[in-house]
Amino acid sequence: MLNCLKCIDWKKTGIFAAGVLFGTAGIKVLSSKDAKKVYTNCTAAALRARDCVMKTAAVIQENAEDIYAEAQQINEERAAAEAAVEDEKETEAGE
């Protein structure tokens, strides 16, 4: 019987037992009421952050749409001005 106990690697067995103990204690800590409060507060903070990011993204999108509309208007005005210049050149050439 004692020969069997000599074959056991007590260091590895101790490490395994410590792992089981810490794992069990960790599960108890993670499922405690205090931990649930921390999870709830972290989730609430994440939701607030998401709302802030969404508001910022909406503002950026609105600004981008305004810039795009103004750019289109500038290009239309430039095209109209170029067309007017070409019409003047054609009427002068036709005279």
PDB file of N, CA and C in Angstrom:
ATOM      1  N   MET A   1       0.816  -1.190   0.000  1.00  0.00           N
ATOM      2  CA  MET A   1       0.000   0.000   0.000  1.00  0.00           C
ATOM      3  C   MET A   1       0.860   1.253   0.000  1.00  0.00           C
ATOM      4  N   LEU A   2       1.896   1.284   0.791  1.00  0.00           N
ATOM      5  CA  LEU A   2       2.766   2.452   0.848  1.00  0.00           C
ATOM      6  C   LEU A   2       3.546   2.644  -0.434  1.00  0.00           C
ATOM      7  N   ASN A   3       3.827   1.541  -1.124  1.00  0.00           N
ATOM      8  CA  ASN A   3       4.525   1.649  -2.400  1.00  0.00           C
ATOM      9  C   ASN A   3       3.672   2.386  -3.423  1.00  0.00           C
ATOM     10  N   CYS A   4       2.384   2.219  -3.367  1.00  0.00           N
ATOM     11  CA  CYS A   4       1.461   2.900  -4.283  1.00  0.00           C
ATOM     12  C   CYS A   4       1.477   4.400  -4.031  1.00  0.00           C
ATOM     13  N   LEU A   5       1.544   4.804  -2.769  1.00  0.00           N
ATOM     14  CA  LEU A   5       1.585   6.234  -2.432  1.00  0.00           C
ATOM     15  C   LEU A   5       2.894   6.877  -2.858  1.00  0.00           C
ATOM     16  N   LYS A   6       3.951   6.101  -2.952  1.00  0.00           N
ATOM     17  CA  LYS A   6       5.240   6.626  -3.391  1.00  0.00           C
ATOM     18  C   LYS A   6       5.221   6.948  -4.883  1.00  0.00           C
ATOM     19  N   CYS A   7       4.388   6.291  -5.635  1.00  0.00           N
ATOM     20  CA  CYS A   7       4.311   6.498  -7.090  1.00  0.00           C
ATOM     21  C   CYS A   7       3.555   7.777  -7.458  1.00  0.00           C
ATOM     22  N   ILE A   8       2.833   8.341  -6.536  1.00  0.00           N
ATOM     23  CA  ILE A   8       2.034   9.539  -6.833  1.00  0.00           C
ATOM     24  C   ILE A   8       2.940  10.764  -6.830  1.00  0.00           C
ATOM     25  N   ASP A   9       2.784  11.589  -7.850  1.00  0.00           N
ATOM     26  CA  ASP A   9       3.526  12.845  -7.923  1.00  0.00           C
ATOM     27  C   ASP A   9       2.727  13.885  -7.133  1.00  0.00           C
ATOM     28  N   TRP A  10       3.164  14.142  -5.918  1.00  0.00           N
ATOM     29  CA  TRP A  10       2.402  14.998  -5.019  1.00  0.00           C
ATOM     30  C   TRP A  10       2.389  16.457  -5.461  1.00  0.00           C
ATOM     31  N   LYS A  11       3.405  16.869  -6.161  1.00  0.00           N
ATOM     32  CA  LYS A  11       3.436  18.256  -6.646  1.00  0.00           C
ATOM     33  C   LYS A  11       2.305  18.478  -7.652  1.00  0.00           C
ATOM     34  N   LYS A  12       2.180  17.576  -8.623  1.00  0.00           N
ATOM     35  CA  LYS A  12       1.124  17.699  -9.635  1.00  0.00           C
ATOM     36  C   LYS A  12      -0.253  17.532  -9.014  1.00  0.00           C
ATOM     37  N   THR A  13      -0.361  16.630  -8.057  1.00  0.00           N
ATOM     38  CA  THR A  13      -1.638  16.421  -7.380  1.00  0.00           C
ATOM     39  C   THR A  13      -2.032  17.662  -6.590  1.00  0.00           C
ATOM     40  N   GLY A  14      -1.058  18.287  -5.932  1.00  0.00           N
ATOM     41  CA  GLY A  14      -1.320  19.520  -5.184  1.00  0.00           C
ATOM     42  C   GLY A  14      -1.735  20.663  -6.092  1.00  0.00           C
ATOM     43  N   ILE A  15      -1.072  20.758  -7.224  1.00  0.00           N
ATOM     44  CA  ILE A  15      -1.430  21.809  -8.185  1.00  0.00           C
ATOM     45  C   ILE A  15      -2.853  21.586  -8.702  1.00  0.00           C
ATOM     46  N   PHE A  16      -3.201  20.334  -8.994  1.00  0.00           N
ATOM     47  CA  PHE A  16      -4.549  20.027  -9.452  1.00  0.00           C
ATOM     48  C   PHE A  16      -5.582  20.376  -8.376  1.00  0.00           C
ATOM     49  N   ALA A  17      -5.305  19.995  -7.143  1.00  0.00           N
ATOM     50  CA  ALA A  17      -6.239  20.281  -6.050  1.00  0.00           C
ATOM     51  C   ALA A  17      -6.386  21.783  -5.838  1.00  0.00           C
ATOM     52  N   ALA A  18      -5.281  22.516  -5.940  1.00  0.00           N
ATOM     53  CA  ALA A  18      -5.347  23.979  -5.800  1.00  0.00           C
ATOM     54  C   ALA A  18      -6.176  24.583  -6.933  1.00  0.00           C
ATOM     55  N   GLY A  19      -6.028  24.044  -8.133  1.00  0.00           N
ATOM     56  CA  GLY A  19      -6.811  24.535  -9.270  1.00  0.00           C
ATOM     57  C   GLY A  19      -8.295  24.305  -9.071  1.00  0.00           C
ATOM     58  N   VAL A  20      -8.637  23.138  -8.584  1.00  0.00           N
ATOM     59  CA  VAL A  20     -10.044  22.836  -8.301  1.00  0.00           C
ATOM     60  C   VAL A  20     -10.574  23.773  -7.223  1.00  0.00           C
ATOM     61  N   LEU A  21      -9.770  23.986  -6.178  1.00  0.00           N
ATOM     62  CA  LEU A  21     -10.184  24.872  -5.088  1.00  0.00           C
ATOM     63  C   LEU A  21     -10.385  26.303  -5.582  1.00  0.00           C
ATOM     64  N   PHE A  22      -9.410  26.821  -6.334  1.00  0.00           N
ATOM     65  CA  PHE A  22      -9.539  28.189  -6.855  1.00  0.00           C
ATOM     66  C   PHE A  22     -10.680  28.300  -7.853  1.00  0.00           C
ATOM     67  N   GLY A  23     -10.882  27.265  -8.658  1.00  0.00           N
ATOM     68  CA  GLY A  23     -11.990  27.281  -9.614  1.00  0.00           C
ATOM     69  C   GLY A  23     -13.331  27.327  -8.913  1.00  0.00           C
ATOM     70  N   THR A  24     -13.475  26.521  -7.877  1.00  0.00           N
ATOM     71  CA  THR A  24     -14.723  26.509  -7.113  1.00  0.00           C
ATOM     72  C   THR A  24     -14.942  27.845  -6.413  1.00  0.00           C
ATOM     73  N   ALA A  25     -13.879  28.371  -5.809  1.00  0.00           N
ATOM     74  CA  ALA A  25     -13.994  29.680  -5.142  1.00  0.00           C
ATOM     75  C   ALA A  25     -14.289  30.772  -6.167  1.00  0.00           C
ATOM     76  N   GLY A  26     -13.682  30.670  -7.343  1.00  0.00           N
ATOM     77  CA  GLY A  26     -13.921  31.659  -8.394  1.00  0.00           C
ATOM     78  C   GLY A  26     -15.366  31.664  -8.851  1.00  0.00           C
ATOM     79  N   ILE A  27     -15.942  30.484  -8.989  1.00  0.00           N
ATOM     80  CA  ILE A  27     -17.347  30.396  -9.394  1.00  0.00           C
ATOM     81  C   ILE A  27     -18.240  31.026  -8.329  1.00  0.00           C
ATOM     82  N   LYS A  28     -17.924  30.766  -7.072  1.00  0.00           N
ATOM     83  CA  LYS A  28     -18.709  31.356  -5.981  1.00  0.00           C
ATOM     84  C   LYS A  28     -18.607  32.876  -6.011  1.00  0.00           C
ATOM     85  N   VAL A  29     -17.390  33.393  -6.232  1.00  0.00           N
ATOM     86  CA  VAL A  29     -17.191  34.850  -6.265  1.00  0.00           C
ATOM     87  C   VAL A  29     -17.918  35.452  -7.460  1.00  0.00           C
ATOM     88  N   LEU A  30     -17.804  34.816  -8.621  1.00  0.00           N
ATOM     89  CA  LEU A  30     -18.417  35.360  -9.831  1.00  0.00           C
ATOM     90  C   LEU A  30     -19.933  35.324  -9.799  1.00  0.00           C
ATOM     91  N   SER A  31     -20.514  34.445  -9.007  1.00  0.00           N
ATOM     92  CA  SER A  31     -21.969  34.359  -8.944  1.00  0.00           C
ATOM     93  C   SER A  31     -22.542  35.037  -7.698  1.00  0.00           C
ATOM     94  N   SER A  32     -21.731  35.779  -6.970  1.00  0.00           N
ATOM     95  CA  SER A  32     -22.208  36.449  -5.763  1.00  0.00           C
ATOM     96  C   SER A  32     -23.049  37.678  -6.117  1.00  0.00           C
ATOM     97  N   LYS A  33     -23.756  38.190  -5.140  1.00  0.00           N
ATOM     98  CA  LYS A  33     -24.603  39.370  -5.357  1.00  0.00           C
ATOM     99  C   LYS A  33     -23.765  40.593  -5.699  1.00  0.00           C
ATOM    100  N   ASP A  34     -22.619  40.731  -5.034  1.00  0.00           N
ATOM    101  CA  ASP A  34     -21.746  41.866  -5.327  1.00  0.00           C
ATOM    102  C   ASP A  34     -21.231  41.815  -6.760  1.00  0.00           C
ATOM    103  N   ALA A  35     -20.884  40.629  -7.211  1.00  0.00           N
ATOM    104  CA  ALA A  35     -20.411  40.482  -8.588  1.00  0.00           C
ATOM    105  C   ALA A  35     -21.526  40.818  -9.571  1.00  0.00           C
ATOM    106  N   LYS A  36     -22.744  40.407  -9.257  1.00  0.00           N
ATOM    107  CA  LYS A  36     -23.868  40.723 -10.145  1.00  0.00           C
ATOM    108  C   LYS A  36     -24.095  42.228 -10.222  1.00  0.00           C
ATOM    109  N   LYS A  37     -23.884  42.937  -9.108  1.00  0.00           N
ATOM    110  CA  LYS A  37     -24.003  44.395  -9.126  1.00  0.00           C
ATOM    111  C   LYS A  37     -22.943  45.008 -10.036  1.00  0.00           C
ATOM    112  N   VAL A  38     -21.729  44.466  -9.959  1.00  0.00           N
ATOM    113  CA  VAL A  38     -20.651  44.954 -10.825  1.00  0.00           C
ATOM    114  C   VAL A  38     -20.997  44.695 -12.281  1.00  0.00           C
ATOM    115  N   TYR A  39     -21.494  43.495 -12.598  1.00  0.00           N
ATOM    116  CA  TYR A  39     -21.884  43.179 -13.978  1.00  0.00           C
ATOM    117  C   TYR A  39     -22.974  44.116 -14.469  1.00  0.00           C
ATOM    118  N   THR A  40     -23.938  44.405 -13.594  1.00  0.00           N
ATOM    119  CA  THR A  40     -25.043  45.288 -13.966  1.00  0.00           C
ATOM    120  C   THR A  40     -24.527  46.692 -14.243  1.00  0.00           C
ATOM    121  N   ASN A  41     -23.655  47.189 -13.378  1.00  0.00           N
ATOM    122  CA  ASN A  41     -23.101  48.529 -13.583  1.00  0.00           C
ATOM    123  C   ASN A  41     -22.246  48.601 -14.845  1.00  0.00           C
ATOM    124  N   CYS A  42     -21.470  47.557 -15.102  1.00  0.00           N
ATOM    125  CA  CYS A  42     -20.659  47.530 -16.325  1.00  0.00           C
ATOM    126  C   CYS A  42     -21.539  47.502 -17.571  1.00  0.00           C
ATOM    127  N   THR A  43     -22.611  46.731 -17.518  1.00  0.00           N
ATOM    128  CA  THR A  43     -23.527  46.670 -18.658  1.00  0.00           C
ATOM    129  C   THR A  43     -24.205  48.010 -18.874  1.00  0.00           C
ATOM    130  N   ALA A  44     -24.606  48.670 -17.786  1.00  0.00           N
ATOM    131  CA  ALA A  44     -25.228  49.991 -17.898  1.00  0.00           C
ATOM    132  C   ALA A  44     -24.243  50.988 -18.507  1.00  0.00           C
ATOM    133  N   ALA A  45     -22.988  50.927 -18.091  1.00  0.00           N
ATOM    134  CA  ALA A  45     -21.973  51.825 -18.653  1.00  0.00           C
ATOM    135  C   ALA A  45     -21.764  51.548 -20.138  1.00  0.00           C
ATOM    136  N   ALA A  46     -21.768  50.284 -20.515  1.00  0.00           N
ATOM    137  CA  ALA A  46     -21.617  49.934 -21.925  1.00  0.00           C
ATOM    138  C   ALA A  46     -22.801  50.448 -22.746  1.00  0.00           C
ATOM    139  N   LEU A  47     -24.002  50.369 -22.196  1.00  0.00           N
ATOM    140  CA  LEU A  47     -25.175  50.887 -22.907  1.00  0.00           C
ATOM    141  C   LEU A  47     -25.110  52.402 -23.060  1.00  0.00           C
ATOM    142  N   ARG A  48     -24.644  53.087 -22.003  1.00  0.00           N
ATOM    143  CA  ARG A  48     -24.482  54.543 -22.108  1.00  0.00           C
ATOM    144  C   ARG A  48     -23.433  54.903 -23.153  1.00  0.00           C
ATOM    145  N   ALA A  49     -22.353  54.151 -23.174  1.00  0.00           N
ATOM    146  CA  ALA A  49     -21.300  54.397 -24.167  1.00  0.00           C
ATOM    147  C   ALA A  49     -21.835  54.169 -25.578  1.00  0.00           C
ATOM    148  N   ARG A  50     -22.641  53.117 -25.748  1.00  0.00           N
ATOM    149  CA  ARG A  50     -23.211  52.840 -27.064  1.00  0.00           C
ATOM    150  C   ARG A  50     -24.109  53.983 -27.510  1.00  0.00           C
ATOM    151  N   ASP A  51     -24.923  54.509 -26.586  1.00  0.00           N
ATOM    152  CA  ASP A  51     -25.800  55.629 -26.926  1.00  0.00           C
ATOM    153  C   ASP A  51     -24.983  56.845 -27.346  1.00  0.00           C
ATOM    154  N   CYS A  52     -23.906  57.108 -26.625  1.00  0.00           N
ATOM    155  CA  CYS A  52     -23.045  58.241 -26.955  1.00  0.00           C
ATOM    156  C   CYS A  52     -22.421  58.058 -28.340  1.00  0.00           C
ATOM    157  N   VAL A  53     -21.955  56.870 -28.625  1.00  0.00           N
ATOM    158  CA  VAL A  53     -21.350  56.592 -29.931  1.00  0.00           C
ATOM    159  C   VAL A  53     -22.390  56.726 -31.037  1.00  0.00           C
ATOM    160  N   MET A  54     -23.592  56.254 -30.794  1.00  0.00           N
ATOM    161  CA  MET A  54     -24.641  56.348 -31.811  1.00  0.00           C
ATOM    162  C   MET A  54     -25.022  57.797 -32.085  1.00  0.00           C
ATOM    163  N   LYS A  55     -25.075  58.628 -31.036  1.00  0.00           N
ATOM    164  CA  LYS A  55     -25.371  60.047 -31.225  1.00  0.00           C
ATOM    165  C   LYS A  55     -24.277  60.713 -32.044  1.00  0.00           C
ATOM    166  N   THR A  56     -23.032  60.404 -31.717  1.00  0.00           N
ATOM    167  CA  THR A  56     -21.910  60.984 -32.453  1.00  0.00           C
ATOM    168  C   THR A  56     -21.936  60.529 -33.904  1.00  0.00           C
ATOM    169  N   ALA A  57     -22.231  59.267 -34.134  1.00  0.00           N
ATOM    170  CA  ALA A  57     -22.304  58.754 -35.499  1.00  0.00           C
ATOM    171  C   ALA A  57     -23.426  59.440 -36.276  1.00  0.00           C
ATOM    172  N   ALA A  58     -24.536  59.711 -35.630  1.00  0.00           N
ATOM    173  CA  ALA A  58     -25.648  60.397 -36.299  1.00  0.00           C
ATOM    174  C   ALA A  58     -25.243  61.813 -36.686  1.00  0.00           C
ATOM    175  N   VAL A  59     -24.547  62.504 -35.794  1.00  0.00           N
ATOM    176  CA  VAL A  59     -24.089  63.865 -36.099  1.00  0.00           C
ATOM    177  C   VAL A  59     -23.111  63.841 -37.267  1.00  0.00           C
ATOM    178  N   ILE A  60     -22.195  62.903 -37.249  1.00  0.00           N
ATOM    179  CA  ILE A  60     -21.220  62.791 -38.339  1.00  0.00           C
ATOM    180  C   ILE A  60     -21.924  62.493 -39.656  1.00  0.00           C
ATOM    181  N   GLN A  61     -22.908  61.627 -39.618  1.00  0.00           N
ATOM    182  CA  GLN A  61     -23.641  61.290 -40.841  1.00  0.00           C
ATOM    183  C   GLN A  61     -24.399  62.500 -41.372  1.00  0.00           C
ATOM    184  N   GLU A  62     -25.037  63.272 -40.479  1.00  0.00           N
ATOM    185  CA  GLU A  62     -25.740  64.480 -40.908  1.00  0.00           C
ATOM    186  C   GLU A  62     -24.778  65.475 -41.535  1.00  0.00           C
ATOM    187  N   ASN A  63     -23.615  65.644 -40.918  1.00  0.00           N
ATOM    188  CA  ASN A  63     -22.618  66.562 -41.477  1.00  0.00           C
ATOM    189  C   ASN A  63     -22.133  66.089 -42.838  1.00  0.00           C
ATOM    190  N   ALA A  64     -21.928  64.794 -42.981  1.00  0.00           N
ATOM    191  CA  ALA A  64     -21.487  64.246 -44.258  1.00  0.00           C
ATOM    192  C   ALA A  64     -22.553  64.461 -45.330  1.00  0.00           C
ATOM    193  N   GLU A  65     -23.825  64.299 -44.988  1.00  0.00           N
ATOM    194  CA  GLU A  65     -24.903  64.531 -45.948  1.00  0.00           C
ATOM    195  C   GLU A  65     -24.950  66.004 -46.355  1.00  0.00           C
ATOM    196  N   ASP A  66     -24.753  66.917 -45.388  1.00  0.00           N
ATOM    197  CA  ASP A  66     -24.726  68.344 -45.710  1.00  0.00           C
ATOM    198  C   ASP A  66     -23.565  68.671 -46.644  1.00  0.00           C
ATOM    199  N   ILE A  67     -22.403  68.119 -46.357  1.00  0.00           N
ATOM    200  CA  ILE A  67     -21.227  68.362 -47.195  1.00  0.00           C
ATOM    201  C   ILE A  67     -21.473  67.828 -48.597  1.00  0.00           C
ATOM    202  N   TYR A  68     -22.057  66.657 -48.700  1.00  0.00           N
ATOM    203  CA  TYR A  68     -22.338  66.063 -50.006  1.00  0.00           C
ATOM    204  C   TYR A  68     -23.319  66.927 -50.798  1.00  0.00           C
ATOM    205  N   ALA A  69     -24.373  67.407 -50.132  1.00  0.00           N
ATOM    206  CA  ALA A  69     -25.363  68.244 -50.815  1.00  0.00           C
ATOM    207  C   ALA A  69     -24.730  69.550 -51.286  1.00  0.00           C
ATOM    208  N   GLU A  70     -23.901  70.164 -50.453  1.00  0.00           N
ATOM    209  CA  GLU A  70     -23.237  71.402 -50.847  1.00  0.00           C
ATOM    210  C   GLU A  70     -22.274  71.162 -52.007  1.00  0.00           C
ATOM    211  N   ALA A  71     -21.568  70.038 -51.987  1.00  0.00           N
ATOM    212  CA  ALA A  71     -20.644  69.710 -53.076  1.00  0.00           C
ATOM    213  C   ALA A  71     -21.401  69.522 -54.389  1.00  0.00           C
ATOM    214  N   GLN A  72     -22.560  68.862 -54.322  1.00  0.00           N
ATOM    215  CA  GLN A  72     -23.366  68.704 -55.532  1.00  0.00           C
ATOM    216  C   GLN A  72     -23.825  70.057 -56.052  1.00  0.00           C
ATOM    217  N   GLN A  73     -24.236  70.941 -55.154  1.00  0.00           N
ATOM    218  CA  GLN A  73     -24.689  72.266 -55.560  1.00  0.00           C
ATOM    219  C   GLN A  73     -23.548  73.050 -56.202  1.00  0.00           C
ATOM    220  N   ILE A  74     -22.365  72.970 -55.648  1.00  0.00           N
ATOM    221  CA  ILE A  74     -21.202  73.659 -56.224  1.00  0.00           C
ATOM    222  C   ILE A  74     -20.927  73.125 -57.622  1.00  0.00           C
ATOM    223  N   ASN A  75     -20.965  71.802 -57.790  1.00  0.00           N
ATOM    224  CA  ASN A  75     -20.707  71.222 -59.107  1.00  0.00           C
ATOM    225  C   ASN A  75     -21.777  71.613 -60.113  1.00  0.00           C
ATOM    226  N   GLU A  76     -23.038  71.685 -59.680  1.00  0.00           N
ATOM    227  CA  GLU A  76     -24.114  72.106 -60.591  1.00  0.00           C
ATOM    228  C   GLU A  76     -23.927  73.563 -61.012  1.00  0.00           C
ATOM    229  N   GLU A  77     -23.565  74.423 -60.042  1.00  0.00           N
ATOM    230  CA  GLU A  77     -23.325  75.831 -60.371  1.00  0.00           C
ATOM    231  C   GLU A  77     -22.141  75.979 -61.314  1.00  0.00           C
ATOM    232  N   ARG A  78     -21.086  75.191 -61.072  1.00  0.00           N
ATOM    233  CA  ARG A  78     -19.916  75.254 -61.953  1.00  0.00           C
ATOM    234  C   ARG A  78     -20.272  74.778 -63.357  1.00  0.00           C
ATOM    235  N   ALA A  79     -21.050  73.697 -63.440  1.00  0.00           N
ATOM    236  CA  ALA A  79     -21.460  73.189 -64.758  1.00  0.00           C
ATOM    237  C   ALA A  79     -22.328  74.212 -65.481  1.00  0.00           C
ATOM    238  N   ALA A  80     -23.217  74.871 -64.747  1.00  0.00           N
ATOM    239  CA  ALA A  80     -24.066  75.894 -65.369  1.00  0.00           C
ATOM    240  C   ALA A  80     -23.222  77.066 -65.849  1.00  0.00           C
ATOM    241  N   ALA A  81     -22.235  77.458 -65.059  1.00  0.00           N
ATOM    242  CA  ALA A  81     -21.363  78.568 -65.465  1.00  0.00           C
ATOM    243  C   ALA A  81     -20.540  78.188 -66.692  1.00  0.00           C
ATOM    244  N   GLU A  82     -20.031  76.968 -66.742  1.00  0.00           N
ATOM    245  CA  GLU A  82     -19.276  76.513 -67.906  1.00  0.00           C
ATOM    246  C   GLU A  82     -20.165  76.440 -69.134  1.00  0.00           C
ATOM    247  N   ALA A  83     -21.397  76.007 -68.955  1.00  0.00           N
ATOM    248  CA  ALA A  83     -22.328  75.941 -70.086  1.00  0.00           C
ATOM    249  C   ALA A  83     -22.631  77.352 -70.600  1.00  0.00           C
ATOM    250  N   ALA A  84     -22.756  78.319 -69.702  1.00  0.00           N
ATOM    251  CA  ALA A  84     -23.017  79.700 -70.107  1.00  0.00           C
ATOM    252  C   ALA A  84     -21.828  80.265 -70.878  1.00  0.00           C
ATOM    253  N   VAL A  85     -20.616  79.943 -70.427  1.00  0.00           N
ATOM    254  CA  VAL A  85     -19.410  80.419 -71.120  1.00  0.00           C
ATOM    255  C   VAL A  85     -19.338  79.801 -72.506  1.00  0.00           C
ATOM    256  N   GLU A  86     -19.650  78.519 -72.642  1.00  0.00           N
ATOM    257  CA  GLU A  86     -19.620  77.865 -73.945  1.00  0.00           C
ATOM    258  C   GLU A  86     -20.681  78.450 -74.875  1.00  0.00           C
ATOM    259  N   ASP A  87     -21.857  78.775 -74.338  1.00  0.00           N
ATOM    260  CA  ASP A  87     -22.911  79.395 -75.144  1.00  0.00           C
ATOM    261  C   ASP A  87     -22.474  80.755 -75.655  1.00  0.00           C
ATOM    262  N   GLU A  88     -21.784  81.526 -74.797  1.00  0.00           N
ATOM    263  CA  GLU A  88     -21.291  82.843 -75.221  1.00  0.00           C
ATOM    264  C   GLU A  88     -20.249  82.697 -76.316  1.00  0.00           C
ATOM    265  N   LYS A  89     -19.370  81.694 -76.183  1.00  0.00           N
ATOM    266  CA  LYS A  89     -18.345  81.459 -77.200  1.00  0.00           C
ATOM    267  C   LYS A  89     -18.988  81.071 -78.525  1.00  0.00           C
ATOM    268  N   GLU A  90     -20.043  80.258 -78.471  1.00  0.00           N
ATOM    269  CA  GLU A  90     -20.707  79.830 -79.698  1.00  0.00           C
ATOM    270  C   GLU A  90     -21.428  80.995 -80.374  1.00  0.00           C
ATOM    271  N   THR A  91     -22.053  81.853 -79.573  1.00  0.00           N
ATOM    272  CA  THR A  91     -22.750  82.996 -80.172  1.00  0.00           C
ATOM    273  C   THR A  91     -21.766  83.991 -80.737  1.00  0.00           C
ATOM    274  N   GLU A  92     -20.604  84.162 -80.101  1.00  0.00           N
ATOM    275  CA  GLU A  92     -19.582  85.066 -80.634  1.00  0.00           C
ATOM    276  C   GLU A  92     -18.982  84.484 -81.883  1.00  0.00           C
ATOM    277  N   ALA A  93     -18.796  83.168 -81.947  1.00  0.00           N
ATOM    278  CA  ALA A  93     -18.225  82.529 -83.131  1.00  0.00           C
ATOM    279  C   ALA A  93     -19.219  82.542 -84.280  1.00  0.00           C
ATOM    280  N   GLY A  94     -20.478  82.517 -83.979  1.00  0.00           N
ATOM    281  CA  GLY A  94     -21.504  82.493 -85.011  1.00  0.00           C
ATOM    282  C   GLY A  94     -21.741  83.868 -85.620  1.00  0.00           C
ATOM    283  N   GLU A  95     -21.320  84.907 -85.000  1.00  0.00           N
ATOM    284  CA  GLU A  95     -21.558  86.260 -85.524  1.00  0.00           C
ATOM    285  C   GLU A  95     -20.639  86.640 -86.600  1.00  0.00           C
TER     286      GLU A  95
END
